[in-house]
Amino acid sequence: MNVIISQALATGLPVITTRHSGLPDQVGDGYNGFLVNEGDFRALAEKILYLIDHPELLTELGANGRKLVEEKYNSKVLIDKQIEIYASLIND
C-alpha cells in the first residue's frame, strides 16, 4: 500500500500513476484514476490532458477513490487483516 496514493485517494483526488509494483492494486484504470506504463511520458501527458478536457470526471473518479479507501484501507479493516495474519501464524 502506497501511503501517498492512499492519502490522495482519501482526499477525493483522482490519481494518475504507473503500473509499478502494487500501485494497480490501489488505482483502478478509469475507476479512481489512470494507469500508464512506466516511462511512457506521452501517455502520462495524455491522461492529464484528458482530465483537463473532462473536468466532470474529477468528481466521479475522486468519489470512487475515497470510497475505495474508506472500504479497503480504513483502520478497522487493516487491524482485522493483521489479526488474521497473526492468527494464521499462531495456528501453523
Protein backbone atom coordinates (compact mmCIF):
# COMPACT_ATOMS: atom_id res chain seq x y z
CA MET A 1 0.00 0.00 0.00
CA ASN A 2 1.45 3.33 -1.07
CA VAL A 3 0.67 5.89 1.61
CA ILE A 4 0.88 8.90 -0.70
CA ILE A 5 -1.54 7.32 -3.18
CA SER A 6 -3.89 6.40 -0.32
CA GLN A 7 -3.80 9.96 1.01
CA ALA A 8 -4.59 11.41 -2.41
CA LEU A 9 -7.48 8.98 -2.87
CA ALA A 10 -8.77 9.67 0.65
CA THR A 11 -9.00 13.38 -0.13
CA GLY A 12 -11.01 12.66 -3.25
CA LEU A 13 -8.29 13.27 -5.80
CA PRO A 14 -8.04 11.06 -8.86
CA VAL A 15 -4.57 9.58 -9.30
CA ILE A 16 -2.52 9.16 -12.44
CA THR A 17 0.34 6.75 -11.82
CA THR A 18 2.35 3.96 -13.39
CA ARG A 19 1.75 0.24 -13.50
CA HIS A 20 4.51 -0.34 -10.98
CA SER A 21 4.64 -2.72 -8.05
CA GLY A 22 1.38 -2.62 -6.07
CA LEU A 23 0.07 0.65 -7.47
CA PRO A 24 -2.52 -1.06 -9.70
CA ASP A 25 -3.97 -2.58 -6.51
CA GLN A 26 -4.90 0.92 -5.38
CA VAL A 27 -5.64 2.65 -8.66
CA GLY A 28 -8.21 1.15 -10.97
CA ASP A 29 -7.65 2.43 -14.50
CA GLY A 30 -10.69 4.56 -15.28
CA TYR A 31 -12.23 3.90 -11.84
CA ASN A 32 -10.39 6.21 -9.46
CA GLY A 33 -7.62 7.39 -11.71
CA PHE A 34 -5.50 6.23 -14.60
CA LEU A 35 -2.55 3.88 -15.04
CA VAL A 36 0.21 4.33 -17.60
CA ASN A 37 3.26 2.24 -18.38
CA GLU A 38 6.50 3.24 -16.71
CA GLY A 39 8.48 5.68 -18.83
CA ASP A 40 5.54 6.44 -21.13
CA PHE A 41 5.55 10.20 -20.73
CA ARG A 42 3.28 10.66 -23.72
CA ALA A 43 0.55 8.53 -22.11
CA LEU A 44 1.01 10.41 -18.84
CA ALA A 45 0.54 13.74 -20.62
CA GLU A 46 -2.48 12.37 -22.50
CA LYS A 47 -4.19 11.32 -19.25
CA ILE A 48 -3.52 14.72 -17.68
CA LEU A 49 -4.95 16.48 -20.74
CA TYR A 50 -7.90 14.09 -20.74
CA LEU A 51 -8.82 15.11 -17.20
CA ILE A 52 -8.40 18.78 -18.09
CA ASP A 53 -10.76 18.28 -21.04
CA HIS A 54 -13.24 16.25 -18.95
CA PRO A 55 -13.46 18.02 -15.56
CA GLU A 56 -16.70 16.21 -14.76
CA LEU A 57 -14.61 13.05 -14.29
CA LEU A 58 -12.67 14.63 -11.43
CA THR A 59 -15.68 14.33 -9.13
CA GLU A 60 -16.56 10.79 -10.22
CA LEU A 61 -13.02 9.40 -10.06
CA GLY A 62 -12.36 11.24 -6.81
CA ALA A 63 -15.50 9.85 -5.17
CA ASN A 64 -14.57 6.33 -6.28
CA GLY A 65 -11.10 6.75 -4.79
CA ARG A 66 -12.44 7.99 -1.47
CA LYS A 67 -14.91 5.08 -1.36
CA LEU A 68 -12.10 2.60 -2.01
CA VAL A 69 -10.02 3.99 0.84
CA GLU A 70 -12.97 4.03 3.23
CA GLU A 71 -13.85 0.41 2.43
CA LYS A 72 -10.45 -1.19 1.95
CA TYR A 73 -7.88 0.85 3.85
CA ASN A 74 -9.67 2.09 6.96
CA SER A 75 -8.10 1.27 10.32
CA LYS A 76 -10.69 -1.39 11.25
CA VAL A 77 -10.12 -3.30 8.02
CA LEU A 78 -6.34 -3.09 8.36
CA ILE A 79 -6.41 -4.20 12.00
CA ASP A 80 -8.70 -7.13 11.14
CA LYS A 81 -6.26 -8.18 8.40
CA GLN A 82 -3.36 -8.05 10.86
CA ILE A 83 -5.29 -10.17 13.35
CA GLU A 84 -5.98 -12.74 10.62
CA ILE A 85 -2.29 -12.86 9.73
CA TYR A 86 -1.21 -13.29 13.36
CA ALA A 87 -3.86 -15.96 13.95
CA SER A 88 -2.74 -17.92 10.90
CA LEU A 89 0.89 -17.74 12.05
CA ILE A 90 -0.01 -18.94 15.53
CA ASN A 91 -2.13 -21.81 14.17
CA ASP A 92 0.54 -23.01 11.73
